[in-house]
Protein backbone atom coordinates (compact mmCIF):
# COMPACT_ATOMS: atom_id res chain seq x y z
CA MET A 1 124.09 87.60 75.02
CA ILE A 2 123.46 86.26 78.49
CA SER A 3 120.11 84.50 78.65
CA GLU A 4 120.25 83.02 82.20
CA TYR A 5 122.18 83.75 85.37
CA PHE A 6 122.98 81.19 88.12
CA ARG A 7 124.74 81.78 91.43
CA PRO A 8 125.48 78.43 93.09
CA THR A 9 126.72 78.19 96.66
CA SER A 10 128.82 75.06 96.38
CA LEU A 11 131.23 73.53 93.84
CA ASP A 12 128.98 70.52 93.37
CA GLU A 13 126.06 72.73 92.43
CA ALA A 14 128.21 74.71 90.03
CA LEU A 15 129.51 71.51 88.40
CA SER A 16 125.96 70.16 88.07
CA LEU A 17 124.91 73.35 86.25
CA LEU A 18 127.95 73.36 83.98
CA THR A 19 127.67 69.68 82.97
CA GLU A 20 123.90 69.55 82.44
CA GLU A 21 123.34 67.99 79.01
CA GLY A 22 122.09 70.18 76.23
CA LYS A 23 122.82 73.48 78.12
CA ASN A 24 125.26 76.15 76.93
CA ARG A 25 126.55 77.50 80.23
CA LYS A 26 129.78 79.29 80.91
CA PRO A 27 131.60 79.85 84.27
CA LEU A 28 131.70 83.44 85.32
CA GLY A 29 134.74 84.60 87.42
CA GLY A 30 135.80 88.23 87.36
CA GLY A 31 133.91 88.89 84.17
CA THR A 32 136.69 90.85 82.46
CA ASN A 33 136.52 88.50 79.47
CA LEU A 34 133.04 87.05 79.43
CA SER A 35 131.49 90.44 79.45
CA ARG A 36 133.03 91.08 76.06
CA GLN A 37 131.49 87.96 74.45
CA GLN A 38 128.38 88.80 72.40
CA ALA A 39 128.01 85.97 69.90
CA GLY A 40 124.99 83.84 70.52
CA ASP A 41 122.93 83.23 73.67
CA PHE A 42 124.40 81.51 76.67
CA SER A 43 123.90 81.17 80.43
CA VAL A 44 126.39 82.05 83.03
CA VAL A 45 127.29 80.31 86.34
CA ASP A 46 128.65 82.85 88.79
CA LEU A 47 131.45 81.20 90.84
CA GLN A 48 131.85 83.91 93.49
CA ALA A 49 130.15 81.91 96.26
CA VAL A 50 131.53 78.43 95.65
CA GLY A 51 134.77 78.82 97.71
CA LEU A 52 137.33 78.78 94.96
CA ASP A 53 139.29 81.71 96.34
CA GLN A 54 141.30 80.00 98.98
CA ILE A 55 145.10 79.98 99.20
CA THR A 56 146.85 77.05 100.89
CA THR A 57 150.57 76.98 101.63
CA THR A 58 152.82 74.14 102.85
CA ASP A 59 156.52 73.65 103.12
CA LYS A 60 156.47 72.15 99.66
CA GLY A 61 154.20 74.46 97.65
CA ILE A 62 151.33 76.83 97.28
CA THR A 63 147.85 76.11 95.94
CA LEU A 64 145.47 78.90 94.89
CA GLY A 65 141.83 78.61 94.02
CA ALA A 66 141.17 79.59 90.45
CA MET A 67 138.78 82.33 91.72
CA THR A 68 141.60 84.07 93.64
CA ARG A 69 141.67 87.73 92.53
CA LEU A 70 144.90 88.90 91.03
CA ASP A 71 145.06 91.69 93.57
CA THR A 72 145.05 89.10 96.41
CA LEU A 73 148.28 87.66 95.12
CA LEU A 74 149.96 91.03 95.68
CA SER A 75 149.18 91.02 99.36
CA HIS A 76 149.90 87.35 100.13
CA GLN A 77 153.14 86.76 101.98
CA ASN A 78 153.81 83.39 100.41
CA VAL A 79 153.46 84.58 96.76
CA ASP A 80 156.95 85.08 95.23
CA GLY A 81 158.00 88.70 94.76
CA GLU A 82 158.69 88.11 91.06
CA ILE A 83 155.07 87.04 90.56
CA LYS A 84 153.96 90.26 92.24
CA ARG A 85 156.38 92.36 90.16
CA GLY A 86 155.07 90.80 86.95
CA LEU A 87 151.44 91.34 87.94
CA LYS A 88 151.95 95.01 88.37
CA ILE A 89 153.36 95.26 84.90
CA ASP A 90 150.74 93.00 83.36
CA ALA A 91 147.57 94.50 84.72
CA ALA A 92 146.36 97.84 86.01
CA GLU A 93 144.83 98.07 89.53
CA ASN A 94 141.19 98.01 88.31
CA ILE A 95 141.86 94.82 86.27
CA ARG A 96 143.69 93.21 89.20
CA ASN A 97 140.73 93.94 91.47
CA MET A 98 138.31 92.16 89.06
CA ALA A 99 140.26 89.43 87.28
CA THR A 100 140.76 85.94 88.69
CA LEU A 101 143.82 83.78 88.37
CA GLY A 102 141.97 81.05 86.42
CA GLY A 103 140.34 83.55 84.07
CA TRP A 104 143.74 85.23 83.50
CA LEU A 105 145.37 81.95 82.47
CA ILE A 106 142.52 81.05 80.16
CA THR A 107 142.58 84.38 78.30
CA SER A 108 146.16 85.70 78.50
CA ASP A 109 148.45 85.71 75.52
CA GLY A 110 152.20 85.27 75.06
CA ARG A 111 152.92 88.80 76.32
CA SER A 112 151.71 88.03 79.85
CA ILE A 113 154.57 88.10 82.38
CA LEU A 114 152.45 86.29 85.03
CA THR A 115 151.69 83.44 82.72
CA THR A 116 155.36 83.27 81.63
CA VAL A 117 156.58 83.15 85.26
CA LEU A 118 154.02 80.46 86.29
CA LEU A 119 155.02 78.39 83.24
CA ALA A 120 158.68 78.66 84.40
CA LEU A 121 157.59 77.43 87.88
CA ASP A 122 155.94 74.45 86.17
CA ALA A 123 152.54 75.20 87.65
CA THR A 124 149.86 72.52 87.76
CA LEU A 125 146.15 73.04 87.05
CA THR A 126 143.29 71.03 88.51
CA TRP A 127 140.18 70.56 86.36
CA GLU A 128 136.73 69.33 87.36
CA PRO A 129 134.59 67.21 87.27
CA GLN A 130 137.31 64.51 87.22
CA SER A 131 139.91 66.32 89.36
CA ASP A 132 142.36 65.96 86.47
CA LYS A 133 145.77 67.55 87.06
CA ILE A 134 147.61 68.85 84.01
CA GLY A 135 150.75 70.89 83.72
CA LEU A 136 150.37 74.45 82.58
CA GLY A 137 152.88 73.73 79.83
CA ASP A 138 150.86 70.80 78.57
CA TRP A 139 147.57 72.68 78.61
CA LEU A 140 148.50 76.12 77.10
CA PRO A 141 149.23 74.90 73.53
CA LEU A 142 145.84 73.09 73.46
CA ARG A 143 143.60 75.45 75.44
CA ASP A 144 141.72 76.67 72.36
CA GLN A 145 141.18 73.14 71.02
CA GLU A 146 140.05 71.01 73.91
CA SER A 147 139.52 71.33 77.62
CA PRO A 148 140.48 68.84 80.34
CA GLY A 149 137.14 69.61 82.06
CA VAL A 150 134.40 72.17 82.48
CA LEU A 151 136.05 74.15 85.24
CA MET A 152 139.55 74.98 86.40
CA THR A 153 139.53 74.94 90.24
CA GLU A 154 143.19 75.18 91.35
CA VAL A 155 146.60 76.38 90.32
CA ALA A 156 149.61 75.05 92.24
CA TRP A 157 153.39 75.14 92.13
CA TYR A 158 156.30 74.07 94.30
CA ALA A 159 157.75 76.66 96.68
CA GLN A 160 161.17 74.98 96.79
CA SER A 161 162.49 76.99 93.86
CA HIS A 162 163.81 80.42 92.89
CA VAL A 163 162.44 82.35 89.91
CA ALA A 164 163.38 85.55 88.14
CA PHE A 165 162.31 87.28 85.01
CA GLU A 166 163.74 90.00 82.80
CA TYR A 167 161.95 91.81 79.94
CA VAL A 168 162.24 94.55 77.38
CA ALA A 169 159.42 96.83 76.24
CA ARG A 170 158.99 100.01 74.27
CA SER A 171 158.42 101.91 77.50
CA PRO A 172 158.45 101.07 81.19
CA LYS A 173 154.66 100.88 81.31
CA ASP A 174 154.21 99.01 78.01
CA ARG A 175 153.64 95.25 77.66
CA PRO A 176 156.84 93.26 76.94
CA ILE A 177 158.08 92.59 73.48
CA LEU A 178 160.31 89.89 75.03
CA VAL A 179 160.27 88.37 78.49
CA VAL A 180 162.46 85.53 79.78
CA ALA A 181 161.73 83.72 83.01
CA VAL A 182 164.03 81.24 84.72
CA ALA A 183 163.16 78.93 87.62
CA GLN A 184 165.72 76.90 89.44
CA TRP A 185 165.14 74.16 92.06
CA GLY A 186 167.43 73.00 94.84
CA SER A 187 168.41 69.94 92.79
CA GLY A 188 169.75 72.24 90.12
CA ARG A 189 166.92 71.69 87.72
CA THR A 190 166.53 74.81 85.57
CA ARG A 191 163.56 75.73 83.51
CA VAL A 192 163.52 78.61 81.03
CA VAL A 193 160.48 80.17 79.40
CA THR A 194 160.29 82.85 76.72
CA GLY A 195 157.31 85.18 76.09
CA GLY A 196 156.42 88.55 74.72
CA PHE A 197 154.98 87.20 71.46
CA GLY A 198 152.54 84.67 70.04
CA PRO A 199 149.45 83.17 71.64
CA ALA A 200 151.25 81.81 74.73
CA PRO A 201 154.73 81.68 76.27
CA ILE A 202 156.87 78.69 75.42
CA VAL A 203 159.28 76.48 77.37
CA ALA A 204 162.77 76.99 75.97
CA MET A 205 164.60 74.57 78.28
CA ASP A 206 164.04 72.25 81.22
CA GLY A 207 167.39 70.75 82.17
CA PRO A 208 169.46 69.41 85.06
CA ASP A 209 171.32 72.66 85.56
CA GLY A 210 171.71 76.22 84.31
CA SER A 211 174.15 75.56 81.52
CA GLY A 212 172.98 76.65 78.09
CA VAL A 213 170.13 78.96 79.19
CA ASP A 214 171.35 81.64 76.78
CA ILE A 215 171.48 79.28 73.77
CA ALA A 216 168.08 77.77 74.60
CA SER A 217 166.48 81.21 74.90
CA ARG A 218 167.91 82.35 71.59
CA ASP A 219 166.75 79.19 69.86
CA ALA A 220 163.22 79.54 71.27
CA VAL A 221 162.75 82.97 69.64
CA TYR A 222 164.39 82.09 66.38
CA GLU A 223 161.25 82.76 64.36
CA ALA A 224 159.53 85.16 66.73
CA ASP A 225 158.86 87.91 64.20
CA ASP A 226 155.81 90.14 64.59
CA GLN A 227 154.67 93.79 64.48
CA TRP A 228 156.30 94.56 67.79
CA ALA A 229 159.84 93.32 67.14
CA THR A 230 161.96 91.33 64.67
CA ALA A 231 163.09 87.84 65.41
CA GLN A 232 166.63 88.99 64.94
CA TYR A 233 166.30 91.55 67.75
CA ARG A 234 164.70 89.00 70.05
CA ARG A 235 167.55 86.51 69.38
CA GLU A 236 170.12 89.17 70.26
CA VAL A 237 168.44 90.05 73.50
CA ALA A 238 167.01 86.68 74.70
CA GLY A 239 170.29 85.13 75.83
CA LYS A 240 171.32 88.19 77.76
CA LEU A 241 168.00 88.25 79.58
CA ALA A 242 168.35 84.58 80.51
CA LEU A 243 171.82 85.03 81.94
CA ARG A 244 170.66 88.01 83.87
CA CYS A 245 167.89 85.87 85.39
CA LEU A 246 170.42 83.30 86.52
CA GLU A 247 172.55 86.06 88.06
CA ARG A 248 169.56 87.36 89.99
CA ILE A 249 168.66 83.85 91.19
CA ASN A 250 172.21 83.47 92.51
CA GLU A 251 171.77 86.84 94.32
CA PHE A 252 168.55 85.54 95.85
CA LYS A 253 170.40 82.45 97.14
CA GLU A 254 173.24 84.55 98.54
CA ASN A 255 170.84 86.77 100.45
CA GLU A 256 169.26 83.75 102.06
CA VAL A 257 172.53 82.55 103.60
């Protein structure tokens, strides 16, 4: 249970509280996950007033504070439409109003479309107190084992890319049993991520062009067998979804001309 509550007004104050030796303190964002933790006593450091909800855009990319509410992404003009589409499938309105981007990435599983799309975009995370930057793809497999710092402060990705996702689910409002996201940059670099199963989405391919996205997607789900779908079914569908993503990316490019 929560034994102490702190509400710092600056990032430095928050980091001082979180790094104080001998203290068991946890950052509090939207509270959608922390409120369900009941094992043992711990203190919380409320991050609402430390300024981690800013969104900065440049010609090269977009940087979001980890305290940015998911609902804010839906209304921001520089957030890709595919991210917004995925968010609406991932989370109901009441969750979007509460949950933060950082908290979502820390707690989401492999069935999250938002996390799958951001992994396809090769998003980078910033962790304090050392301002360490780590790729989302490098962090996700290790997030339950070790942390690059005490607090995620930023999530960033390059805007010079196109991204699309396709998914299958048992019903239009259900969580996906398979999702494939493809991002492609102006250089031709193509990154494919599969999700819909397991603890986190996985990178199926990161290559110089779009050739082989269907094969890579099928290989990535070769053993993806669980209570929601068989691995055989996912293999049959994954390649088709990846090719459809490429088709949609080409349509995006044609509409820009």
